[in-house]
C-alpha atoms as a PDB file:
ATOM      1  CA  MET A   1     105.618 -49.254 155.293  1.00  0.00           C
ATOM      2  CA  PRO A   2     105.054 -46.901 152.354  1.00  0.00           C
ATOM      3  CA  LEU A   3     101.658 -45.835 151.102  1.00  0.00           C
ATOM      4  CA  THR A   4     100.925 -48.138 148.148  1.00  0.00           C
ATOM      5  CA  HIS A   5      98.558 -47.071 145.401  1.00  0.00           C
ATOM      6  CA  THR A   6      97.138 -49.106 142.514  1.00  0.00           C
ATOM      7  CA  ARG A   7      95.471 -47.718 139.421  1.00  0.00           C
ATOM      8  CA  THR A   8      93.735 -49.739 136.724  1.00  0.00           C
ATOM      9  CA  PHE A   9      94.064 -48.924 133.008  1.00  0.00           C
ATOM     10  CA  ARG A  10      92.596 -50.379 129.828  1.00  0.00           C
ATOM     11  CA  VAL A  11      94.740 -50.374 126.709  1.00  0.00           C
ATOM     12  CA  ARG A  12      93.300 -48.103 124.038  1.00  0.00           C
ATOM     13  CA  PHE A  13      93.665 -48.870 120.341  1.00  0.00           C
ATOM     14  CA  GLY A  14      95.736 -45.741 119.666  1.00  0.00           C
ATOM     15  CA  GLU A  15      98.345 -46.846 122.215  1.00  0.00           C
ATOM     16  CA  CYS A  16      99.280 -49.917 120.170  1.00  0.00           C
ATOM     17  CA  ASP A  17     101.852 -50.091 117.387  1.00  0.00           C
ATOM     18  CA  ALA A  18     101.844 -52.103 114.163  1.00  0.00           C
ATOM     19  CA  TYR A  19     102.899 -55.233 116.049  1.00  0.00           C
ATOM     20  CA  GLY A  20      99.694 -55.021 118.098  1.00  0.00           C
ATOM     21  CA  HIS A  21     101.575 -54.243 121.315  1.00  0.00           C
ATOM     22  CA  VAL A  22     101.413 -51.164 123.514  1.00  0.00           C
ATOM     23  CA  ASN A  23     104.202 -48.905 122.264  1.00  0.00           C
ATOM     24  CA  ASN A  24     106.974 -48.692 124.859  1.00  0.00           C
ATOM     25  CA  THR A  25     106.620 -44.895 125.143  1.00  0.00           C
ATOM     26  CA  HIS A  26     103.136 -45.202 126.681  1.00  0.00           C
ATOM     27  CA  TYR A  27     104.369 -47.018 129.771  1.00  0.00           C
ATOM     28  CA  VAL A  28     105.900 -43.757 130.993  1.00  0.00           C
ATOM     29  CA  ARG A  29     102.529 -42.063 130.527  1.00  0.00           C
ATOM     30  CA  TYR A  30     100.847 -44.747 132.637  1.00  0.00           C
ATOM     31  CA  MET A  31     103.519 -44.273 135.302  1.00  0.00           C
ATOM     32  CA  GLN A  32     102.972 -40.528 135.352  1.00  0.00           C
ATOM     33  CA  GLU A  33      99.218 -40.897 135.834  1.00  0.00           C
ATOM     34  CA  ALA A  34      99.662 -43.505 138.577  1.00  0.00           C
ATOM     35  CA  ALA A  35     102.179 -41.267 140.376  1.00  0.00           C
ATOM     36  CA  PHE A  36      99.831 -38.270 140.267  1.00  0.00           C
ATOM     37  CA  ASP A  37      97.002 -40.368 141.707  1.00  0.00           C
ATOM     38  CA  ALA A  38      99.261 -41.817 144.407  1.00  0.00           C
ATOM     39  CA  SER A  39     100.384 -38.342 145.429  1.00  0.00           C
ATOM     40  CA  ALA A  40      96.777 -37.124 145.607  1.00  0.00           C
ATOM     41  CA  ALA A  41      95.880 -40.155 147.752  1.00  0.00           C
ATOM     42  CA  ALA A  42      98.616 -39.085 150.177  1.00  0.00           C
ATOM     43  CA  GLY A  43      97.079 -35.615 150.395  1.00  0.00           C
ATOM     44  CA  TYR A  44      99.284 -33.911 147.835  1.00  0.00           C
ATOM     45  CA  ASP A  45      97.252 -33.157 144.718  1.00  0.00           C
ATOM     46  CA  PHE A  46      98.009 -30.390 142.204  1.00  0.00           C
ATOM     47  CA  ALA A  47      96.173 -27.785 144.313  1.00  0.00           C
ATOM     48  CA  ARG A  48      98.260 -28.654 147.406  1.00  0.00           C
ATOM     49  CA  TYR A  49     101.531 -28.325 145.505  1.00  0.00           C
ATOM     50  CA  GLU A  50     100.385 -25.022 144.007  1.00  0.00           C
ATOM     51  CA  ALA A  51      99.624 -23.701 147.503  1.00  0.00           C
ATOM     52  CA  LEU A  52     103.073 -24.808 148.672  1.00  0.00           C
ATOM     53  CA  GLY A  53     104.760 -23.210 145.669  1.00  0.00           C
ATOM     54  CA  GLN A  54     106.684 -26.421 145.082  1.00  0.00           C
ATOM     55  CA  TYR A  55     106.507 -29.420 142.762  1.00  0.00           C
ATOM     56  CA  TRP A  56     108.230 -32.659 141.768  1.00  0.00           C
ATOM     57  CA  LEU A  57     110.319 -32.852 138.574  1.00  0.00           C
ATOM     58  CA  VAL A  58     111.435 -36.118 136.962  1.00  0.00           C
ATOM     59  CA  ARG A  59     115.209 -36.521 136.806  1.00  0.00           C
ATOM     60  CA  GLU A  60     115.610 -40.126 135.662  1.00  0.00           C
ATOM     61  CA  THR A  61     113.395 -43.025 134.619  1.00  0.00           C
ATOM     62  CA  GLU A  62     114.075 -46.695 133.928  1.00  0.00           C
ATOM     63  CA  VAL A  63     111.499 -49.087 132.461  1.00  0.00           C
ATOM     64  CA  GLU A  64     111.971 -52.819 131.867  1.00  0.00           C
ATOM     65  CA  TYR A  65     109.469 -54.453 129.504  1.00  0.00           C
ATOM     66  CA  LEU A  66     108.812 -58.092 130.385  1.00  0.00           C
ATOM     67  CA  LYS A  67     105.618 -59.122 128.534  1.00  0.00           C
ATOM     68  CA  PRO A  68     103.645 -57.155 125.927  1.00  0.00           C
ATOM     69  CA  LEU A  69     100.247 -55.608 126.533  1.00  0.00           C
ATOM     70  CA  ALA A  70      97.688 -55.553 123.713  1.00  0.00           C
ATOM     71  CA  TYR A  71      94.531 -53.668 122.786  1.00  0.00           C
ATOM     72  CA  GLY A  72      91.711 -54.245 125.275  1.00  0.00           C
ATOM     73  CA  ASP A  73      93.957 -55.599 128.031  1.00  0.00           C
ATOM     74  CA  THR A  74      93.111 -54.368 131.499  1.00  0.00           C
ATOM     75  CA  PHE A  75      96.121 -53.964 133.742  1.00  0.00           C
ATOM     76  CA  GLU A  76      97.141 -52.470 137.067  1.00  0.00           C
ATOM     77  CA  VAL A  77     100.029 -50.172 137.928  1.00  0.00           C
ATOM     78  CA  LYS A  78     101.088 -50.533 141.549  1.00  0.00           C
ATOM     79  CA  THR A  79     103.322 -47.749 142.814  1.00  0.00           C
ATOM     80  CA  TRP A  80     105.020 -46.646 146.026  1.00  0.00           C
ATOM     81  CA  VAL A  81     107.878 -44.428 147.212  1.00  0.00           C
ATOM     82  CA  THR A  82     110.964 -46.485 148.044  1.00  0.00           C
ATOM     83  CA  ASP A  83     113.069 -43.794 149.744  1.00  0.00           C
ATOM     84  CA  PHE A  84     113.798 -40.110 150.258  1.00  0.00           C
ATOM     85  CA  ARG A  85     116.950 -38.061 150.113  1.00  0.00           C
ATOM     86  CA  ARG A  86     117.243 -34.384 151.002  1.00  0.00           C
ATOM     87  CA  VAL A  87     115.787 -33.059 147.738  1.00  0.00           C
ATOM     88  CA  ARG A  88     115.012 -36.288 145.883  1.00  0.00           C
ATOM     89  CA  SER A  89     112.840 -39.371 146.041  1.00  0.00           C
ATOM     90  CA  ARG A  90     112.531 -42.632 144.142  1.00  0.00           C
ATOM     91  CA  ARG A  91     109.187 -44.156 143.148  1.00  0.00           C
ATOM     92  CA  ALA A  92     108.762 -47.783 142.024  1.00  0.00           C
ATOM     93  CA  TYR A  93     106.128 -49.237 139.693  1.00  0.00           C
ATOM     94  CA  GLU A  94     104.873 -52.734 138.891  1.00  0.00           C
ATOM     95  CA  PHE A  95     102.633 -53.559 135.912  1.00  0.00           C
ATOM     96  CA  ARG A  96     100.359 -56.625 135.971  1.00  0.00           C
ATOM     97  CA  LYS A  97      97.391 -57.726 133.912  1.00  0.00           C
ATOM     98  CA  THR A  98      94.276 -57.653 136.074  1.00  0.00           C
ATOM     99  CA  GLY A  99      93.903 -60.910 137.980  1.00  0.00           C
ATOM    100  CA  GLU A 100      97.448 -62.101 137.220  1.00  0.00           C
ATOM    101  CA  THR A 101     100.522 -62.206 139.462  1.00  0.00           C
ATOM    102  CA  GLU A 102     103.207 -62.205 136.764  1.00  0.00           C
ATOM    103  CA  LEU A 103     104.757 -58.828 135.999  1.00  0.00           C
ATOM    104  CA  THR A 104     104.407 -57.351 132.518  1.00  0.00           C
ATOM    105  CA  ALA A 105     106.782 -54.459 133.286  1.00  0.00           C
ATOM    106  CA  ARG A 106     108.573 -52.788 136.169  1.00  0.00           C
ATOM    107  CA  ALA A 107     110.057 -49.344 136.526  1.00  0.00           C
ATOM    108  CA  THR A 108     111.516 -46.670 138.767  1.00  0.00           C
ATOM    109  CA  THR A 109     111.541 -42.881 138.598  1.00  0.00           C
ATOM    110  CA  ASP A 110     113.825 -40.513 140.446  1.00  0.00           C
ATOM    111  CA  TRP A 111     112.125 -37.202 141.251  1.00  0.00           C
ATOM    112  CA  VAL A 112     113.641 -33.890 142.396  1.00  0.00           C
ATOM    113  CA  TYR A 113     111.659 -31.541 144.648  1.00  0.00           C
ATOM    114  CA  ILE A 114     111.677 -28.014 143.162  1.00  0.00           C
ATOM    115  CA  ASP A 115     110.813 -24.577 144.558  1.00  0.00           C
ATOM    116  CA  ASN A 116     108.635 -22.817 142.003  1.00  0.00           C
ATOM    117  CA  ALA A 117     109.969 -19.316 142.758  1.00  0.00           C
ATOM    118  CA  THR A 118     113.671 -20.143 142.450  1.00  0.00           C
ATOM    119  CA  GLN A 119     113.396 -23.167 140.141  1.00  0.00           C
ATOM    120  CA  ARG A 120     116.022 -24.788 142.374  1.00  0.00           C
ATOM    121  CA  PRO A 121     115.859 -28.044 144.368  1.00  0.00           C
ATOM    122  CA  THR A 122     114.497 -27.646 147.886  1.00  0.00           C
ATOM    123  CA  THR A 123     114.335 -29.886 150.971  1.00  0.00           C
ATOM    124  CA  VAL A 124     111.448 -32.366 151.060  1.00  0.00           C
ATOM    125  CA  PRO A 125     109.248 -31.427 154.072  1.00  0.00           C
ATOM    126  CA  ALA A 126     109.119 -33.906 156.959  1.00  0.00           C
ATOM    127  CA  GLU A 127     105.308 -33.918 156.913  1.00  0.00           C
ATOM    128  CA  MET A 128     105.366 -34.941 153.250  1.00  0.00           C
ATOM    129  CA  ILE A 129     107.692 -37.833 153.989  1.00  0.00           C
ATOM    130  CA  ALA A 130     105.329 -38.933 156.774  1.00  0.00           C
ATOM    131  CA  ALA A 131     102.358 -38.786 154.372  1.00  0.00           C
ATOM    132  CA  PHE A 132     104.038 -41.115 151.881  1.00  0.00           C
ATOM    133  CA  TRP A 133     105.401 -43.351 154.670  1.00  0.00           C
ATOM    134  CA  PRO A 134     102.520 -43.396 157.208  1.00  0.00           C
ATOM    135  CA  GLU A 135     103.783 -46.512 158.982  1.00  0.00           C
ATOM    136  CA  GLY A 136     107.345 -46.330 160.235  1.00  0.00           C
ATOM    137  CA  THR A 137     110.381 -44.471 158.927  1.00  0.00           C
ATOM    138  CA  PRO A 138     111.645 -44.709 155.344  1.00  0.00           C
ATOM    139  CA  PRO A 139     114.779 -46.820 154.995  1.00  0.00           C
ATOM    140  CA  PRO A 140     118.100 -45.179 154.133  1.00  0.00           C
ATOM    141  CA  ALA A 141     118.203 -44.089 150.514  1.00  0.00           C
ATOM    142  CA  GLU A 142     119.195 -46.826 148.123  1.00  0.00           C
ATOM    143  CA  LYS A 143     122.534 -46.465 146.392  1.00  0.00           C
ATOM    144  CA  ARG A 144     121.853 -45.178 142.906  1.00  0.00           C
ATOM    145  CA  GLU A 145     123.472 -46.845 139.940  1.00  0.00           C
ATOM    146  CA  PRO A 146     125.167 -44.028 137.996  1.00  0.00           C
ATOM    147  CA  PHE A 147     123.542 -43.132 134.720  1.00  0.00           C
ATOM    148  CA  PRO A 148     125.497 -44.808 131.896  1.00  0.00           C
ATOM    149  CA  PRO A 149     128.121 -42.563 130.299  1.00  0.00           C
ATOM    150  CA  ARG A 150     127.847 -41.336 126.730  1.00  0.00           C
ATOM    151  CA  PRO A 151     129.159 -44.196 124.587  1.00  0.00           C
ATOM    152  CA  PRO A 152     131.988 -43.833 122.049  1.00  0.00           C
ATOM    153  CA  GLU A 153     130.874 -42.369 118.737  1.00  0.00           C
ATOM    154  CA  PRO A 154     130.794 -44.403 115.518  1.00  0.00           C
ATOM    155  CA  PRO A 155     131.891 -43.170 112.073  1.00  0.00           C
ATOM    156  CA  SER A 156     128.351 -42.005 111.250  1.00  0.00           C
ATOM    157  CA  ILE A 157     125.843 -40.433 113.668  1.00  0.00           C
ATOM    158  CA  PHE A 158     122.226 -40.166 112.532  1.00  0.00           C
ATOM    159  CA  THR A 159     120.456 -36.936 113.530  1.00  0.00           C
ATOM    160  CA  GLN A 160     116.800 -36.002 113.189  1.00  0.00           C
ATOM    161  CA  ARG A 161     115.865 -32.334 113.638  1.00  0.00           C
ATOM    162  CA  ARG A 162     112.440 -31.335 114.874  1.00  0.00           C
ATOM    163  CA  LYS A 163     110.620 -28.425 116.488  1.00  0.00           C
ATOM    164  CA  VAL A 164     108.808 -28.512 119.826  1.00  0.00           C
ATOM    165  CA  ILE A 165     105.100 -28.066 119.087  1.00  0.00           C
ATOM    166  CA  TRP A 166     102.062 -27.298 121.210  1.00  0.00           C
ATOM    167  CA  ARG A 167     101.021 -30.888 121.885  1.00  0.00           C
ATOM    168  CA  ASP A 168     104.441 -31.622 123.442  1.00  0.00           C
ATOM    169  CA  ILE A 169     103.935 -29.058 126.217  1.00  0.00           C
ATOM    170  CA  ASP A 170     102.406 -29.735 129.640  1.00  0.00           C
ATOM    171  CA  THR A 171     100.991 -27.397 132.299  1.00  0.00           C
ATOM    172  CA  ALA A 172     104.509 -26.430 133.411  1.00  0.00           C
ATOM    173  CA  TRP A 173     105.001 -24.931 129.931  1.00  0.00           C
ATOM    174  CA  HIS A 174     107.833 -27.237 128.971  1.00  0.00           C
ATOM    175  CA  VAL A 175     108.045 -30.551 127.121  1.00  0.00           C
ATOM    176  CA  ASN A 176     106.458 -33.263 129.251  1.00  0.00           C
ATOM    177  CA  ASN A 177     108.911 -35.946 130.363  1.00  0.00           C
ATOM    178  CA  THR A 178     106.955 -38.647 128.528  1.00  0.00           C
ATOM    179  CA  VAL A 179     107.514 -36.898 125.181  1.00  0.00           C
ATOM    180  CA  TYR A 180     111.310 -37.233 125.118  1.00  0.00           C
ATOM    181  CA  LEU A 181     110.967 -40.989 124.788  1.00  0.00           C
ATOM    182  CA  GLN A 182     108.651 -40.402 121.824  1.00  0.00           C
ATOM    183  CA  TYR A 183     111.318 -38.181 120.238  1.00  0.00           C
ATOM    184  CA  ALA A 184     113.806 -41.030 120.623  1.00  0.00           C
ATOM    185  CA  ASP A 185     111.350 -43.594 119.271  1.00  0.00           C
ATOM    186  CA  ASP A 186     110.656 -41.450 116.203  1.00  0.00           C
ATOM    187  CA  ALA A 187     114.383 -41.075 115.508  1.00  0.00           C
ATOM    188  CA  GLY A 188     114.840 -44.813 115.920  1.00  0.00           C
ATOM    189  CA  MET A 189     112.228 -45.488 113.260  1.00  0.00           C
ATOM    190  CA  ALA A 190     113.652 -42.782 110.986  1.00  0.00           C
ATOM    191  CA  ILE A 191     117.130 -44.306 110.994  1.00  0.00           C
ATOM    192  CA  LEU A 192     115.702 -47.698 110.026  1.00  0.00           C
ATOM    193  CA  ASP A 193     114.189 -46.121 106.924  1.00  0.00           C
ATOM    194  CA  ALA A 194     117.350 -44.122 106.224  1.00  0.00           C
ATOM    195  CA  TYR A 195     119.419 -47.319 106.181  1.00  0.00           C
ATOM    196  CA  GLY A 196     116.923 -49.180 103.997  1.00  0.00           C
ATOM    197  CA  TRP A 197     115.371 -51.373 106.692  1.00  0.00           C
ATOM    198  CA  SER A 198     111.724 -50.420 107.024  1.00  0.00           C
ATOM    199  CA  VAL A 199     109.545 -52.323 109.479  1.00  0.00           C
ATOM    200  CA  LYS A 200     107.868 -54.091 106.556  1.00  0.00           C
ATOM    201  CA  ARG A 201     111.243 -55.255 105.240  1.00  0.00           C
ATOM    202  CA  MET A 202     112.253 -56.527 108.683  1.00  0.00           C
ATOM    203  CA  ILE A 203     108.984 -58.439 109.079  1.00  0.00           C
ATOM    204  CA  ALA A 204     109.450 -59.961 105.621  1.00  0.00           C
ATOM    205  CA  ALA A 205     112.952 -61.032 106.712  1.00  0.00           C
ATOM    206  CA  GLY A 206     111.487 -62.693 109.813  1.00  0.00           C
ATOM    207  CA  PHE A 207     112.549 -60.351 112.583  1.00  0.00           C
ATOM    208  CA  GLY A 208     111.707 -57.208 114.498  1.00  0.00           C
ATOM    209  CA  ILE A 209     113.612 -55.025 116.958  1.00  0.00           C
ATOM    210  CA  PHE A 210     111.983 -54.779 120.387  1.00  0.00           C
ATOM    211  CA  VAL A 211     113.030 -52.493 123.237  1.00  0.00           C
ATOM    212  CA  ARG A 212     113.593 -54.498 126.418  1.00  0.00           C
ATOM    213  CA  ARG A 213     114.666 -51.632 128.671  1.00  0.00           C
ATOM    214  CA  ASN A 214     114.742 -47.846 128.469  1.00  0.00           C
ATOM    215  CA  ARG A 215     116.802 -45.638 130.736  1.00  0.00           C
ATOM    216  CA  ILE A 216     116.224 -41.891 130.447  1.00  0.00           C
ATOM    217  CA  GLU A 217     117.952 -38.913 132.060  1.00  0.00           C
ATOM    218  CA  TYR A 218     116.375 -35.442 131.947  1.00  0.00           C
ATOM    219  CA  LEU A 219     118.865 -32.581 132.198  1.00  0.00           C
ATOM    220  CA  GLN A 220     117.230 -29.378 130.922  1.00  0.00           C
ATOM    221  CA  PRO A 221     113.698 -28.542 129.762  1.00  0.00           C
ATOM    222  CA  ALA A 222     112.765 -27.938 126.130  1.00  0.00           C
ATOM    223  CA  MET A 223     110.286 -25.150 125.529  1.00  0.00           C
ATOM    224  CA  LEU A 224     107.635 -24.413 122.922  1.00  0.00           C
ATOM    225  CA  GLY A 225     109.244 -23.451 119.620  1.00  0.00           C
ATOM    226  CA  ASP A 226     112.698 -24.854 120.438  1.00  0.00           C
ATOM    227  CA  GLU A 227     114.467 -26.641 117.611  1.00  0.00           C
ATOM    228  CA  ILE A 228     116.021 -29.859 118.848  1.00  0.00           C
ATOM    229  CA  ASP A 229     118.310 -32.505 117.399  1.00  0.00           C
ATOM    230  CA  VAL A 230     117.921 -36.173 118.262  1.00  0.00           C
ATOM    231  CA  SER A 231     121.237 -37.891 117.505  1.00  0.00           C
ATOM    232  CA  THR A 232     121.544 -41.653 117.736  1.00  0.00           C
ATOM    233  CA  TRP A 233     123.913 -44.565 117.318  1.00  0.00           C
ATOM    234  CA  VAL A 234     124.397 -48.169 118.492  1.00  0.00           C
ATOM    235  CA  TYR A 235     126.892 -49.631 120.960  1.00  0.00           C
ATOM    236  CA  GLY A 236     127.349 -52.760 123.069  1.00  0.00           C
ATOM    237  CA  ALA A 237     126.311 -55.199 120.343  1.00  0.00           C
ATOM    238  CA  ARG A 238     125.976 -58.872 121.203  1.00  0.00           C
ATOM    239  CA  ARG A 239     124.658 -61.887 119.301  1.00  0.00           C
ATOM    240  CA  ALA A 240     120.986 -60.900 119.558  1.00  0.00           C
ATOM    241  CA  THR A 241     121.041 -57.587 121.420  1.00  0.00           C
ATOM    242  CA  ALA A 242     122.456 -54.074 121.248  1.00  0.00           C
ATOM    243  CA  THR A 243     121.881 -50.716 122.893  1.00  0.00           C
ATOM    244  CA  ARG A 244     120.810 -47.649 120.944  1.00  0.00           C
ATOM    245  CA  TYR A 245     121.843 -44.334 122.464  1.00  0.00           C
ATOM    246  CA  TYR A 246     119.978 -41.055 121.891  1.00  0.00           C
ATOM    247  CA  ALA A 247     121.253 -37.561 122.717  1.00  0.00           C
ATOM    248  CA  ILE A 248     118.553 -34.873 122.596  1.00  0.00           C
ATOM    249  CA  THR A 249     120.061 -31.388 122.261  1.00  0.00           C
ATOM    250  CA  ARG A 250     118.792 -27.837 121.705  1.00  0.00           C
ATOM    251  CA  VAL A 251     119.985 -26.394 118.405  1.00  0.00           C
ATOM    252  CA  SER A 252     120.326 -22.776 119.575  1.00  0.00           C
ATOM    253  CA  ASP A 253     122.952 -23.433 122.258  1.00  0.00           C
ATOM    254  CA  GLY A 254     123.888 -27.105 121.911  1.00  0.00           C
ATOM    255  CA  ALA A 255     122.627 -27.869 125.434  1.00  0.00           C
ATOM    256  CA  LEU A 256     122.044 -31.552 126.198  1.00  0.00           C
ATOM    257  CA  LEU A 257     118.385 -31.792 127.261  1.00  0.00           C
ATOM    258  CA  ALA A 258     117.981 -35.528 127.729  1.00  0.00           C
ATOM    259  CA  GLN A 259     119.641 -38.804 126.885  1.00  0.00           C
ATOM    260  CA  VAL A 260     118.280 -42.304 126.432  1.00  0.00           C
ATOM    261  CA  HIS A 261     119.854 -45.761 126.467  1.00  0.00           C
ATOM    262  CA  ALA A 262     117.463 -48.228 124.801  1.00  0.00           C
ATOM    263  CA  TYR A 263     118.473 -51.873 125.251  1.00  0.00           C
ATOM    264  CA  CYS A 264     117.043 -53.749 122.260  1.00  0.00           C
ATOM    265  CA  ALA A 265     116.619 -57.378 121.217  1.00  0.00           C
ATOM    266  CA  TRP A 266     116.210 -58.877 117.752  1.00  0.00           C
ATOM    267  CA  VAL A 267     113.145 -61.115 117.909  1.00  0.00           C
ATOM    268  CA  ASN A 268     111.124 -63.398 115.652  1.00  0.00           C
ATOM    269  CA  PRO A 269     107.663 -61.763 115.877  1.00  0.00           C
ATOM    270  CA  ALA A 270     105.905 -65.068 115.174  1.00  0.00           C
ATOM    271  CA  THR A 271     107.506 -66.916 118.101  1.00  0.00           C
ATOM    272  CA  GLY A 272     108.601 -64.088 120.394  1.00  0.00           C
ATOM    273  CA  GLN A 273     112.034 -65.704 120.647  1.00  0.00           C
ATOM    274  CA  PRO A 274     115.362 -63.851 120.251  1.00  0.00           C
ATOM    275  CA  ILE A 275     117.304 -64.430 117.044  1.00  0.00           C
ATOM    276  CA  LYS A 276     120.840 -63.658 115.922  1.00  0.00           C
ATOM    277  CA  ILE A 277     121.151 -60.209 114.374  1.00  0.00           C
ATOM    278  CA  PRO A 278     121.007 -60.856 110.595  1.00  0.00           C
ATOM    279  CA  ALA A 279     124.356 -60.355 108.865  1.00  0.00           C
ATOM    280  CA  ASP A 280     122.967 -58.230 106.016  1.00  0.00           C
ATOM    281  CA  PHE A 281     121.202 -55.923 108.480  1.00  0.00           C
ATOM    282  CA  TRP A 282     124.370 -55.572 110.530  1.00  0.00           C
ATOM    283  CA  ALA A 283     126.481 -54.869 107.450  1.00  0.00           C
ATOM    284  CA  ASP A 284     124.184 -52.005 106.399  1.00  0.00           C
ATOM    285  CA  PHE A 285     124.228 -50.442 109.867  1.00  0.00           C
ATOM    286  CA  LYS A 286     127.964 -50.844 110.513  1.00  0.00           C
ATOM    287  CA  PRO A 287     128.754 -47.093 110.044  1.00  0.00           C
ATOM    288  CA  ASN A 288     126.292 -46.264 112.855  1.00  0.00           C
ATOM    289  CA  VAL A 289     127.743 -48.818 115.301  1.00  0.00           C
ATOM    290  CA  ALA A 290     130.429 -47.881 117.818  1.00  0.00           C
ATOM    291  CA  GLU A 291     133.253 -50.409 118.082  1.00  0.00           C
END
């Protein structure tokens, strides 16, 4: 059996958006903190990794949002390692309000074990595997679902340019993995304004767009001072849902740094129930939608 760790959080006011819900980007921050604590509980805190000259780097994350959290809510993040491969490992997460059994969110993260000197993947030590799986042997690695391919491009791609600033950087001196989702979220809000559909207009029209699932792949690090482009468009539209794709690239060399598939639902905020995507909204956004 794996070592299971649970950490309790309380939702802070600044983590909520205008709808009164925890913004979807903060779930990845909670996951990161819970993972760090779980690793320390297994005997591998930051000091231990520094002594080893090795560390874990996030490669891919998927988060499914099931029920919203609001200001003042106390909730638990339960986390454990599901498997190991030669240089990789997958960690699972479950979110529940304190005292409740129903999930509010669930997630997984794929991590790659990196040698600090070479900055290349290195074999996960057997003693580390034993620390995270103290009872028995880890099962064979689960088959990974391939990351979704880049969708076809529509007639018009919206791009927001920005510069990596100091607050985006973590102790590894590159953009923290939680920040890329914020870049995508900011671009998603910017395109709404660009196409004439502010959040206030959507609320007045009786709907909002809520992310139900985010899937993120990290390919290269962004560094302090880098200029980056966040390009986005929609694909896979259905009656009440669609997926918005984000490609985050470095301006200087065009390198793809990260990509995000955000599965979204059109919802009546008053009832929480899905609604058909309004025709006038869809007509305005048609140039940004891949057929």
